[in-house]
Amino acid sequence: DSPRDSEDAELDARALLAMAAGASLFLSTVATEDDTDAVHA
């Protein structure tokens, strides 16, 4: 669904997945004080 070149678009997707999942993992295990609606938003 991306207008970008397929290779660039797949790299974008993997980077976004890593950032989203990594942030949620970190907040749920280490930075638990910031595991809040505001930070996730």
Full PDB file with SEQRES, HELIX, SHEET, SSBOND, CRYST1, ORIGX, SCALE, CONECT and MASTER records, all heavy atoms in Angstrom:
SEQRES   1 A   41  ASP SER PRO ARG ASP SER GLU ASP ALA GLU LEU ASP ALA          
SEQRES   2 A   41  ARG ALA LEU LEU ALA MET ALA ALA GLY ALA SER LEU PHE          
SEQRES   3 A   41  LEU SER THR VAL ALA THR GLU ASP ASP THR ASP ALA VAL          
SEQRES   4 A   41  HIS ALA                                                      
HELIX    1 AA1 SER A    6  THR A   29  1                                  24    
HELIX    2 AA2 THR A   32  ASP A   34  5                                   3    
HELIX    3 AA3 ASP A   37  HIS A   40  1                                   4    
CRYST1    1.000    1.000    1.000  90.00  90.00  90.00 P 1           1          
ORIGX1      1.000000  0.000000  0.000000        0.00000                         
ORIGX2      0.000000  1.000000  0.000000        0.00000                         
ORIGX3      0.000000  0.000000  1.000000        0.00000                         
SCALE1      1.000000  0.000000  0.000000        0.00000                         
SCALE2      0.000000  1.000000  0.000000        0.00000                         
SCALE3      0.000000  0.000000  1.000000        0.00000                         
ATOM      1  N   ASP A   1       0.806  -1.224   0.000  1.00  0.00           N  
ATOM      2  CA  ASP A   1       0.000   0.000   0.000  1.00  0.00           C  
ATOM      3  C   ASP A   1       0.838   1.273   0.000  1.00  0.00           C  
ATOM      4  O   ASP A   1       0.300   2.376  -0.015  1.00  0.00           O  
ATOM      5  CB  ASP A   1      -0.922   0.023   1.236  1.00  0.00           C  
ATOM      6  CG  ASP A   1      -1.990  -1.046   1.165  1.00  0.00           C  
ATOM      7  OD1 ASP A   1      -2.367  -1.416   0.038  1.00  0.00           O  
ATOM      8  OD2 ASP A   1      -2.434  -1.521   2.231  1.00  0.00           O  
ATOM      9  N   SER A   2       2.154   1.118   0.030  1.00  0.00           N  
ATOM     10  CA  SER A   2       3.024   2.290   0.096  1.00  0.00           C  
ATOM     11  C   SER A   2       3.376   2.785  -1.301  1.00  0.00           C  
ATOM     12  O   SER A   2       3.605   1.979  -2.209  1.00  0.00           O  
ATOM     13  CB  SER A   2       4.312   1.949   0.853  1.00  0.00           C  
ATOM     14  OG  SER A   2       5.225   3.026   0.794  1.00  0.00           O  
ATOM     15  N   PRO A   3       3.428   4.108  -1.495  1.00  0.00           N  
ATOM     16  CA  PRO A   3       3.823   4.647  -2.800  1.00  0.00           C  
ATOM     17  C   PRO A   3       5.330   4.575  -3.041  1.00  0.00           C  
ATOM     18  O   PRO A   3       5.792   4.850  -4.137  1.00  0.00           O  
ATOM     19  CB  PRO A   3       3.350   6.098  -2.732  1.00  0.00           C  
ATOM     20  CG  PRO A   3       3.400   6.428  -1.278  1.00  0.00           C  
ATOM     21  CD  PRO A   3       3.030   5.166  -0.559  1.00  0.00           C  
ATOM     22  N   ARG A   4       6.093   4.192  -2.021  1.00  0.00           N  
ATOM     23  CA  ARG A   4       7.538   4.133  -2.161  1.00  0.00           C  
ATOM     24  C   ARG A   4       7.977   2.853  -2.858  1.00  0.00           C  
ATOM     25  O   ARG A   4       7.209   1.900  -3.001  1.00  0.00           O  
ATOM     26  CB  ARG A   4       8.209   4.234  -0.782  1.00  0.00           C  
ATOM     27  CG  ARG A   4       8.222   5.643  -0.245  1.00  0.00           C  
ATOM     28  CD  ARG A   4       8.512   5.701   1.236  1.00  0.00           C  
ATOM     29  NE  ARG A   4       9.788   5.140   1.635  1.00  0.00           N  
ATOM     30  CZ  ARG A   4      10.953   5.777   1.544  1.00  0.00           C  
ATOM     31  NH1 ARG A   4      11.007   6.994   1.003  1.00  0.00           N  
ATOM     32  NH2 ARG A   4      12.067   5.231   1.991  1.00  0.00           N  
ATOM     33  N   ASP A   5       9.225   2.852  -3.293  1.00  0.00           N  
ATOM     34  CA  ASP A   5       9.825   1.658  -3.876  1.00  0.00           C  
ATOM     35  C   ASP A   5       9.658   0.492  -2.900  1.00  0.00           C  
ATOM     36  O   ASP A   5       9.733   0.663  -1.681  1.00  0.00           O  
ATOM     37  CB  ASP A   5      11.312   1.926  -4.134  1.00  0.00           C  
ATOM     38  CG  ASP A   5      12.047   0.680  -4.578  1.00  0.00           C  
ATOM     39  OD1 ASP A   5      12.001   0.360  -5.777  1.00  0.00           O  
ATOM     40  OD2 ASP A   5      12.659   0.028  -3.709  1.00  0.00           O  
ATOM     41  N   SER A   6       9.417  -0.718  -3.425  1.00  0.00           N  
ATOM     42  CA  SER A   6       9.077  -1.860  -2.577  1.00  0.00           C  
ATOM     43  C   SER A   6      10.152  -2.154  -1.529  1.00  0.00           C  
ATOM     44  O   SER A   6       9.832  -2.451  -0.370  1.00  0.00           O  
ATOM     45  CB  SER A   6       8.825  -3.101  -3.435  1.00  0.00           C  
ATOM     46  OG  SER A   6       9.974  -3.428  -4.190  1.00  0.00           O  
ATOM     47  N   GLU A   7      11.427  -2.070  -1.917  1.00  0.00           N  
ATOM     48  CA  GLU A   7      12.499  -2.344  -0.961  1.00  0.00           C  
ATOM     49  C   GLU A   7      12.540  -1.288   0.138  1.00  0.00           C  
ATOM     50  O   GLU A   7      12.700  -1.603   1.317  1.00  0.00           O  
ATOM     51  CB  GLU A   7      13.846  -2.428  -1.672  1.00  0.00           C  
ATOM     52  CG  GLU A   7      14.011  -3.663  -2.553  1.00  0.00           C  
ATOM     53  CD  GLU A   7      15.413  -3.791  -3.092  1.00  0.00           C  
ATOM     54  OE1 GLU A   7      16.285  -2.989  -2.686  1.00  0.00           O  
ATOM     55  OE2 GLU A   7      15.655  -4.690  -3.918  1.00  0.00           O  
ATOM     56  N   ASP A   8      12.392  -0.017  -0.257  1.00  0.00           N  
ATOM     57  CA  ASP A   8      12.372   1.057   0.737  1.00  0.00           C  
ATOM     58  C   ASP A   8      11.154   0.921   1.652  1.00  0.00           C  
ATOM     59  O   ASP A   8      11.244   1.134   2.867  1.00  0.00           O  
ATOM     60  CB  ASP A   8      12.342   2.422   0.051  1.00  0.00           C  
ATOM     61  CG  ASP A   8      13.682   2.784  -0.577  1.00  0.00           C  
ATOM     62  OD1 ASP A   8      14.708   2.232  -0.132  1.00  0.00           O  
ATOM     63  OD2 ASP A   8      13.699   3.594  -1.521  1.00  0.00           O  
ATOM     64  N   ALA A   9      10.018   0.574   1.062  1.00  0.00           N  
ATOM     65  CA  ALA A   9       8.792   0.450   1.845  1.00  0.00           C  
ATOM     66  C   ALA A   9       8.898  -0.690   2.857  1.00  0.00           C  
ATOM     67  O   ALA A   9       8.446  -0.563   4.002  1.00  0.00           O  
ATOM     68  CB  ALA A   9       7.600   0.221   0.915  1.00  0.00           C  
ATOM     69  N   GLU A  10       9.498  -1.802   2.454  1.00  0.00           N  
ATOM     70  CA  GLU A  10       9.651  -2.921   3.392  1.00  0.00           C  
ATOM     71  C   GLU A  10      10.611  -2.556   4.518  1.00  0.00           C  
ATOM     72  O   GLU A  10      10.393  -2.908   5.676  1.00  0.00           O  
ATOM     73  CB  GLU A  10      10.143  -4.171   2.672  1.00  0.00           C  
ATOM     74  CG  GLU A  10      10.233  -5.369   3.608  1.00  0.00           C  
ATOM     75  CD  GLU A  10      10.493  -6.677   2.892  1.00  0.00           C  
ATOM     76  OE1 GLU A  10      10.428  -6.699   1.649  1.00  0.00           O  
ATOM     77  OE2 GLU A  10      10.768  -7.670   3.595  1.00  0.00           O  
ATOM     78  N   LEU A  11      11.663  -1.824   4.178  1.00  0.00           N  
ATOM     79  CA  LEU A  11      12.596  -1.362   5.212  1.00  0.00           C  
ATOM     80  C   LEU A  11      11.887  -0.411   6.173  1.00  0.00           C  
ATOM     81  O   LEU A  11      12.092  -0.477   7.391  1.00  0.00           O  
ATOM     82  CB  LEU A  11      13.791  -0.677   4.558  1.00  0.00           C  
ATOM     83  CG  LEU A  11      14.913  -0.216   5.503  1.00  0.00           C  
ATOM     84  CD1 LEU A  11      15.499  -1.400   6.260  1.00  0.00           C  
ATOM     85  CD2 LEU A  11      16.000   0.511   4.720  1.00  0.00           C  
ATOM     86  N   ASP A  12      11.050   0.488   5.626  1.00  0.00           N  
ATOM     87  CA  ASP A  12      10.257   1.383   6.476  1.00  0.00           C  
ATOM     88  C   ASP A  12       9.397   0.566   7.446  1.00  0.00           C  
ATOM     89  O   ASP A  12       9.336   0.866   8.644  1.00  0.00           O  
ATOM     90  CB  ASP A  12       9.330   2.260   5.624  1.00  0.00           C  
ATOM     91  CG  ASP A  12      10.085   3.242   4.741  1.00  0.00           C  
ATOM     92  OD1 ASP A  12      11.262   3.519   5.030  1.00  0.00           O  
ATOM     93  OD2 ASP A  12       9.483   3.703   3.755  1.00  0.00           O  
ATOM     94  N   ALA A  13       8.725  -0.460   6.907  1.00  0.00           N  
ATOM     95  CA  ALA A  13       7.809  -1.258   7.722  1.00  0.00           C  
ATOM     96  C   ALA A  13       8.543  -1.972   8.850  1.00  0.00           C  
ATOM     97  O   ALA A  13       8.098  -1.973  10.005  1.00  0.00           O  
ATOM     98  CB  ALA A  13       7.084  -2.272   6.842  1.00  0.00           C  
ATOM     99  N   ARG A  14       9.684  -2.577   8.536  1.00  0.00           N  
ATOM    100  CA  ARG A  14      10.431  -3.307   9.559  1.00  0.00           C  
ATOM    101  C   ARG A  14      10.968  -2.346  10.634  1.00  0.00           C  
ATOM    102  O   ARG A  14      10.997  -2.687  11.823  1.00  0.00           O  
ATOM    103  CB  ARG A  14      11.557  -4.105   8.926  1.00  0.00           C  
ATOM    104  CG  ARG A  14      11.063  -5.262   8.069  1.00  0.00           C  
ATOM    105  CD  ARG A  14      12.196  -6.141   7.566  1.00  0.00           C  
ATOM    106  NE  ARG A  14      11.689  -7.215   6.746  1.00  0.00           N  
ATOM    107  CZ  ARG A  14      11.171  -8.345   7.209  1.00  0.00           C  
ATOM    108  NH1 ARG A  14      11.086  -8.527   8.529  1.00  0.00           N  
ATOM    109  NH2 ARG A  14      10.729  -9.290   6.403  1.00  0.00           N  
ATOM    110  N   ALA A  15      11.387  -1.168  10.209  1.00  0.00           N  
ATOM    111  CA  ALA A  15      11.862  -0.180  11.180  1.00  0.00           C  
ATOM    112  C   ALA A  15      10.729   0.280  12.089  1.00  0.00           C  
ATOM    113  O   ALA A  15      10.901   0.403  13.308  1.00  0.00           O  
ATOM    114  CB  ALA A  15      12.477   1.011  10.443  1.00  0.00           C  
ATOM    115  N   LEU A  16       9.555   0.529  11.509  1.00  0.00           N  
ATOM    116  CA  LEU A  16       8.409   0.960  12.304  1.00  0.00           C  
ATOM    117  C   LEU A  16       7.972  -0.135  13.273  1.00  0.00           C  
ATOM    118  O   LEU A  16       7.633   0.140  14.430  1.00  0.00           O  
ATOM    119  CB  LEU A  16       7.257   1.349  11.378  1.00  0.00           C  
ATOM    120  CG  LEU A  16       7.451   2.657  10.601  1.00  0.00           C  
ATOM    121  CD1 LEU A  16       6.470   2.736   9.425  1.00  0.00           C  
ATOM    122  CD2 LEU A  16       7.294   3.860  11.524  1.00  0.00           C  
ATOM    123  N   LEU A  17       7.966  -1.383  12.806  1.00  0.00           N  
ATOM    124  CA  LEU A  17       7.622  -2.504  13.684  1.00  0.00           C  
ATOM    125  C   LEU A  17       8.605  -2.603  14.847  1.00  0.00           C  
ATOM    126  O   LEU A  17       8.203  -2.799  16.000  1.00  0.00           O  
ATOM    127  CB  LEU A  17       7.630  -3.816  12.891  1.00  0.00           C  
ATOM    128  CG  LEU A  17       6.407  -4.122  12.027  1.00  0.00           C  
ATOM    129  CD1 LEU A  17       6.726  -5.236  11.043  1.00  0.00           C  
ATOM    130  CD2 LEU A  17       5.230  -4.526  12.916  1.00  0.00           C  
ATOM    131  N   ALA A  18       9.885  -2.488  14.534  1.00  0.00           N  
ATOM    132  CA  ALA A  18      10.904  -2.595  15.577  1.00  0.00           C  
ATOM    133  C   ALA A  18      10.764  -1.468  16.595  1.00  0.00           C  
ATOM    134  O   ALA A  18      10.907  -1.689  17.814  1.00  0.00           O  
ATOM    135  CB  ALA A  18      12.292  -2.581  14.951  1.00  0.00           C  
ATOM    136  N   MET A  19      10.493  -0.245  16.118  1.00  0.00           N  
ATOM    137  CA  MET A  19      10.355   0.882  17.037  1.00  0.00           C  
ATOM    138  C   MET A  19       9.115   0.728  17.919  1.00  0.00           C  
ATOM    139  O   MET A  19       9.175   0.973  19.132  1.00  0.00           O  
ATOM    140  CB  MET A  19      10.292   2.194  16.252  1.00  0.00           C  
ATOM    141  CG  MET A  19      11.630   2.617  15.673  1.00  0.00           C  
ATOM    142  SD  MET A  19      11.626   4.290  14.982  1.00  0.00           S  
ATOM    143  CE  MET A  19      10.668   4.024  13.475  1.00  0.00           C  
ATOM    144  N   ALA A  20       7.995   0.328  17.323  1.00  0.00           N  
ATOM    145  CA  ALA A  20       6.757   0.202  18.095  1.00  0.00           C  
ATOM    146  C   ALA A  20       6.848  -0.931  19.107  1.00  0.00           C  
ATOM    147  O   ALA A  20       6.539  -0.755  20.295  1.00  0.00           O  
ATOM    148  CB  ALA A  20       5.579  -0.025  17.148  1.00  0.00           C  
ATOM    149  N   ALA A  21       7.280  -2.110  18.645  1.00  0.00           N  
ATOM    150  CA  ALA A  21       7.381  -3.258  19.552  1.00  0.00           C  
ATOM    151  C   ALA A  21       8.476  -3.033  20.593  1.00  0.00           C  
ATOM    152  O   ALA A  21       8.299  -3.367  21.772  1.00  0.00           O  
ATOM    153  CB  ALA A  21       7.653  -4.529  18.753  1.00  0.00           C  
ATOM    154  N   GLY A  22       9.598  -2.471  20.156  1.00  0.00           N  
ATOM    155  CA  GLY A  22      10.689  -2.223  21.093  1.00  0.00           C  
ATOM    156  C   GLY A  22      10.301  -1.246  22.180  1.00  0.00           C  
ATOM    157  O   GLY A  22      10.642  -1.432  23.355  1.00  0.00           O  
ATOM    158  N   ALA A  23       9.581  -0.198  21.803  1.00  0.00           N  
ATOM    159  CA  ALA A  23       9.141   0.786  22.795  1.00  0.00           C  
ATOM    160  C   ALA A  23       8.192   0.148  23.809  1.00  0.00           C  
ATOM    161  O   ALA A  23       8.310   0.366  25.019  1.00  0.00           O  
ATOM    162  CB  ALA A  23       8.460   1.963  22.100  1.00  0.00           C  
ATOM    163  N   SER A  24       7.256  -0.648  23.314  1.00  0.00           N  
ATOM    164  CA  SER A  24       6.292  -1.282  24.219  1.00  0.00           C  
ATOM    165  C   SER A  24       6.972  -2.289  25.141  1.00  0.00           C  
ATOM    166  O   SER A  24       6.639  -2.383  26.329  1.00  0.00           O  
ATOM    167  CB  SER A  24       5.194  -1.979  23.409  1.00  0.00           C  
ATOM    168  OG  SER A  24       4.397  -1.033  22.725  1.00  0.00           O  
ATOM    169  N   LEU A  25       7.922  -3.044  24.599  1.00  0.00           N  
ATOM    170  CA  LEU A  25       8.662  -3.996  25.431  1.00  0.00           C  
ATOM    171  C   LEU A  25       9.453  -3.270  26.516  1.00  0.00           C  
ATOM    172  O   LEU A  25       9.436  -3.658  27.687  1.00  0.00           O  
ATOM    173  CB  LEU A  25       9.608  -4.824  24.550  1.00  0.00           C  
ATOM    174  CG  LEU A  25      10.591  -5.745  25.273  1.00  0.00           C  
ATOM    175  CD1 LEU A  25       9.849  -6.771  26.117  1.00  0.00           C  
ATOM    176  CD2 LEU A  25      11.504  -6.438  24.271  1.00  0.00           C  
ATOM    177  N   PHE A  26      10.143  -2.194  26.140  1.00  0.00           N  
ATOM    178  CA  PHE A  26      10.957  -1.444  27.094  1.00  0.00           C  
ATOM    179  C   PHE A  26      10.088  -0.831  28.185  1.00  0.00           C  
ATOM    180  O   PHE A  26      10.425  -0.878  29.381  1.00  0.00           O  
ATOM    181  CB  PHE A  26      11.744  -0.365  26.361  1.00  0.00           C  
ATOM    182  CG  PHE A  26      12.758   0.329  27.217  1.00  0.00           C  
ATOM    183  CD1 PHE A  26      13.994  -0.245  27.468  1.00  0.00           C  
ATOM    184  CD2 PHE A  26      12.475   1.575  27.779  1.00  0.00           C  
ATOM    185  CE1 PHE A  26      14.936   0.402  28.270  1.00  0.00           C  
ATOM    186  CE2 PHE A  26      13.405   2.222  28.575  1.00  0.00           C  
ATOM    187  CZ  PHE A  26      14.638   1.635  28.822  1.00  0.00           C  
ATOM    188  N   LEU A  27       8.963  -0.243  27.794  1.00  0.00           N  
ATOM    189  CA  LEU A  27       8.087   0.393  28.775  1.00  0.00           C  
ATOM    190  C   LEU A  27       7.470  -0.631  29.729  1.00  0.00           C  
ATOM    191  O   LEU A  27       7.240  -0.332  30.900  1.00  0.00           O  
ATOM    192  CB  LEU A  27       6.980   1.165  28.059  1.00  0.00           C  
ATOM    193  CG  LEU A  27       7.412   2.457  27.366  1.00  0.00           C  
ATOM    194  CD1 LEU A  27       6.296   2.990  26.484  1.00  0.00           C  
ATOM    195  CD2 LEU A  27       7.840   3.509  28.382  1.00  0.00           C  
ATOM    196  N   SER A  28       7.190  -1.836  29.231  1.00  0.00           N  
ATOM    197  CA  SER A  28       6.535  -2.843  30.070  1.00  0.00           C  
ATOM    198  C   SER A  28       7.505  -3.575  30.984  1.00  0.00           C  
ATOM    199  O   SER A  28       7.076  -4.229  31.947  1.00  0.00           O  
ATOM    200  CB  SER A  28       5.805  -3.863  29.184  1.00  0.00           C  
ATOM    201  OG  SER A  28       6.727  -4.659  28.450  1.00  0.00           O  
ATOM    202  N   THR A  29       8.822  -3.454  30.732  1.00  0.00           N  
ATOM    203  CA  THR A  29       9.785  -4.206  31.527  1.00  0.00           C  
ATOM    204  C   THR A  29      10.784  -3.331  32.282  1.00  0.00           C  
ATOM    205  O   THR A  29      11.245  -3.715  33.355  1.00  0.00           O  
ATOM    206  CB  THR A  29      10.590  -5.176  30.635  1.00  0.00           C  
ATOM    207  OG1 THR A  29      11.220  -4.435  29.570  1.00  0.00           O  
ATOM    208  CG2 THR A  29       9.682  -6.236  30.033  1.00  0.00           C  
ATOM    209  N   VAL A  30      11.139  -2.180  31.725  1.00  0.00           N  
ATOM    210  CA  VAL A  30      12.167  -1.333  32.335  1.00  0.00           C  
ATOM    211  C   VAL A  30      11.589   0.004  32.788  1.00  0.00           C  
ATOM    212  O   VAL A  30      11.624   0.345  33.972  1.00  0.00           O  
ATOM    213  CB  VAL A  30      13.344  -1.103  31.360  1.00  0.00           C  
ATOM    214  CG1 VAL A  30      14.387  -0.195  32.013  1.00  0.00           C  
ATOM    215  CG2 VAL A  30      13.974  -2.434  30.959  1.00  0.00           C  
ATOM    216  N   ALA A  31      11.051   0.768  31.846  1.00  0.00           N  
ATOM    217  CA  ALA A  31      10.538   2.104  32.160  1.00  0.00           C  
ATOM    218  C   ALA A  31       9.063   2.027  32.551  1.00  0.00           C  
ATOM    219  O   ALA A  31       8.204   2.700  31.973  1.00  0.00           O  
ATOM    220  CB  ALA A  31      10.734   3.039  30.969  1.00  0.00           C  
ATOM    221  N   THR A  32       8.769   1.200  33.538  1.00  0.00           N  
ATOM    222  CA  THR A  32       7.368   0.944  33.887  1.00  0.00           C  
ATOM    223  C   THR A  32       6.652   2.193  34.405  1.00  0.00           C  
ATOM    224  O   THR A  32       5.426   2.295  34.297  1.00  0.00           O  
ATOM    225  CB  THR A  32       7.285  -0.174  34.938  1.00  0.00           C  
ATOM    226  OG1 THR A  32       8.117   0.161  36.072  1.00  0.00           O  
ATOM    227  CG2 THR A  32       7.766  -1.496  34.358  1.00  0.00           C  
ATOM    228  N   GLU A  33       7.416   3.146  34.975  1.00  0.00           N  
ATOM    229  CA  GLU A  33       6.783   4.395  35.438  1.00  0.00           C  
ATOM    230  C   GLU A  33       6.185   5.177  34.278  1.00  0.00           C  
ATOM    231  O   GLU A  33       5.248   5.968  34.467  1.00  0.00           O  
ATOM    232  CB  GLU A  33       7.806   5.278  36.167  1.00  0.00           C  
ATOM    233  CG  GLU A  33       8.335   4.698  37.469  1.00  0.00           C  
ATOM    234  CD  GLU A  33       9.474   3.706  37.250  1.00  0.00           C  
ATOM    235  OE1 GLU A  33       9.841   3.467  36.072  1.00  0.00           O  
ATOM    236  OE2 GLU A  33       9.992   3.181  38.242  1.00  0.00           O  
ATOM    237  N   ASP A  34       6.717   4.983  33.087  1.00  0.00           N  
ATOM    238  CA  ASP A  34       6.233   5.696  31.911  1.00  0.00           C  
ATOM    239  C   ASP A  34       5.343   4.839  31.016  1.00  0.00           C  
ATOM    240  O   ASP A  34       5.039   5.231  29.886  1.00  0.00           O  
ATOM    241  CB  ASP A  34       7.416   6.217  31.084  1.00  0.00           C  
ATOM    242  CG  ASP A  34       8.062   7.439  31.725  1.00  0.00           C  
ATOM    243  OD1 ASP A  34       7.314   8.267  32.268  1.00  0.00           O  
ATOM    244  OD2 ASP A  34       9.300   7.550  31.672  1.00  0.00           O  
ATOM    245  N   ASP A  35       4.905   3.708  31.523  1.00  0.00           N  
ATOM    246  CA  ASP A  35       4.003   2.842  30.756  1.00  0.00           C  
ATOM    247  C   ASP A  35       2.583   3.376  30.923  1.00  0.00           C  
ATOM    248  O   ASP A  35       1.722   2.748  31.538  1.00  0.00           O  
ATOM    249  CB  ASP A  35       4.127   1.404  31.261  1.00  0.00           C  
ATOM    250  CG  ASP A  35       3.455   0.402  30.324  1.00  0.00           C  
ATOM    251  OD1 ASP A  35       3.041   0.800  29.215  1.00  0.00           O  
ATOM    252  OD2 ASP A  35       3.336  -0.773  30.706  1.00  0.00           O  
ATOM    253  N   THR A  36       2.353   4.555  30.338  1.00  0.00           N  
ATOM    254  CA  THR A  36       1.103   5.277  30.544  1.00  0.00           C  
ATOM    255  C   THR A  36       0.426   5.571  29.201  1.00  0.00           C  
ATOM    256  O   THR A  36       1.051   5.492  28.144  1.00  0.00           O  
ATOM    257  CB  THR A  36       1.364   6.619  31.252  1.00  0.00           C  
ATOM    258  OG1 THR A  36       2.191   7.440  30.399  1.00  0.00           O  
ATOM    259  CG2 THR A  36       2.075   6.403  32.579  1.00  0.00           C  
ATOM    260  N   ASP A  37      -0.841   5.925  29.288  1.00  0.00           N  
ATOM    261  CA  ASP A  37      -1.580   6.281  28.075  1.00  0.00           C  
ATOM    262  C   ASP A  37      -0.905   7.448  27.356  1.00  0.00           C  
ATOM    263  O   ASP A  37      -0.816   7.463  26.124  1.00  0.00           O  
ATOM    264  CB  ASP A  37      -3.025   6.663  28.420  1.00  0.00           C  
ATOM    265  CG  ASP A  37      -3.849   5.470  28.882  1.00  0.00           C  
ATOM    266  OD1 ASP A  37      -3.415   4.323  28.648  1.00  0.00           O  
ATOM    267  OD2 ASP A  37      -4.924   5.688  29.472  1.00  0.00           O  
ATOM    268  N   ALA A  38      -0.454   8.443  28.123  1.00  0.00           N  
ATOM    269  CA  ALA A  38       0.127   9.638  27.519  1.00  0.00           C  
ATOM    270  C   ALA A  38       1.401   9.308  26.745  1.00  0.00           C  
ATOM    271  O   ALA A  38       1.601   9.792  25.621  1.00  0.00           O  
ATOM    272  CB  ALA A  38       0.428  10.673  28.596  1.00  0.00           C  
ATOM    273  N   VAL A  39       2.266   8.497  27.329  1.00  0.00           N  
ATOM    274  CA  VAL A  39       3.521   8.149  26.653  1.00  0.00           C  
ATOM    275  C   VAL A  39       3.245   7.306  25.413  1.00  0.00           C  
ATOM    276  O   VAL A  39       3.833   7.536  24.345  1.00  0.00           O  
ATOM    277  CB  VAL A  39       4.473   7.409  27.619  1.00  0.00           C  
ATOM    278  CG1 VAL A  39       5.672   6.834  26.863  1.00  0.00           C  
ATOM    279  CG2 VAL A  39       4.957   8.360  28.703  1.00  0.00           C  
ATOM    280  N   HIS A  40       2.352   6.342  25.523  1.00  0.00           N  
ATOM    281  CA  HIS A  40       2.037   5.506  24.359  1.00  0.00           C  
ATOM    282  C   HIS A  40       1.381   6.324  23.246  1.00  0.00           C  
ATOM    283  O   HIS A  40       1.643   6.098  22.064  1.00  0.00           O  
ATOM    284  CB  HIS A  40       1.136   4.341  24.765  1.00  0.00           C  
ATOM    285  CG  HIS A  40       1.875   3.221  25.427  1.00  0.00           C  
ATOM    286  ND1 HIS A  40       2.585   2.276  24.712  1.00  0.00           N  
ATOM    287  CD2 HIS A  40       2.021   2.907  26.735  1.00  0.00           C  
ATOM    288  CE1 HIS A  40       3.132   1.411  25.555  1.00  0.00           C  
ATOM    289  NE2 HIS A  40       2.810   1.775  26.781  1.00  0.00           N  
ATOM    290  N   ALA A  41       0.533   7.281  23.637  1.00  0.00           N  
ATOM    291  CA  ALA A  41      -0.087   8.143  22.632  1.00  0.00           C  
ATOM    292  C   ALA A  41       0.965   8.975  21.909  1.00  0.00           C  
ATOM    293  O   ALA A  41       0.915   9.144  20.684  1.00  0.00           O  
ATOM    294  CB  ALA A  41      -1.121   9.056  23.294  1.00  0.00           C  
TER     295      ALA A  41                                                      
MASTER        0    0    0    3    0    0    0    6  294    1    0    4          
END                                                                             
